[in-house]
Amino acid sequence: MTAPDTPPRPPCMIDHPPAPPRAPPLGVFKWRAPG
């Protein structure tokens, strides 16, 4: 999806505006971080 030469978006994605990138909460990284 990050590539500039991506195929045309399907109707399902064009129907509604693109949602913002969802990143996991920092808490997940802290729990998974070693130590």
Foldseek 3Di string as FASTA:
>chain_A
DPDPPDDDDDPVDVVDDDDPDDDDDVVVVVVVPDD
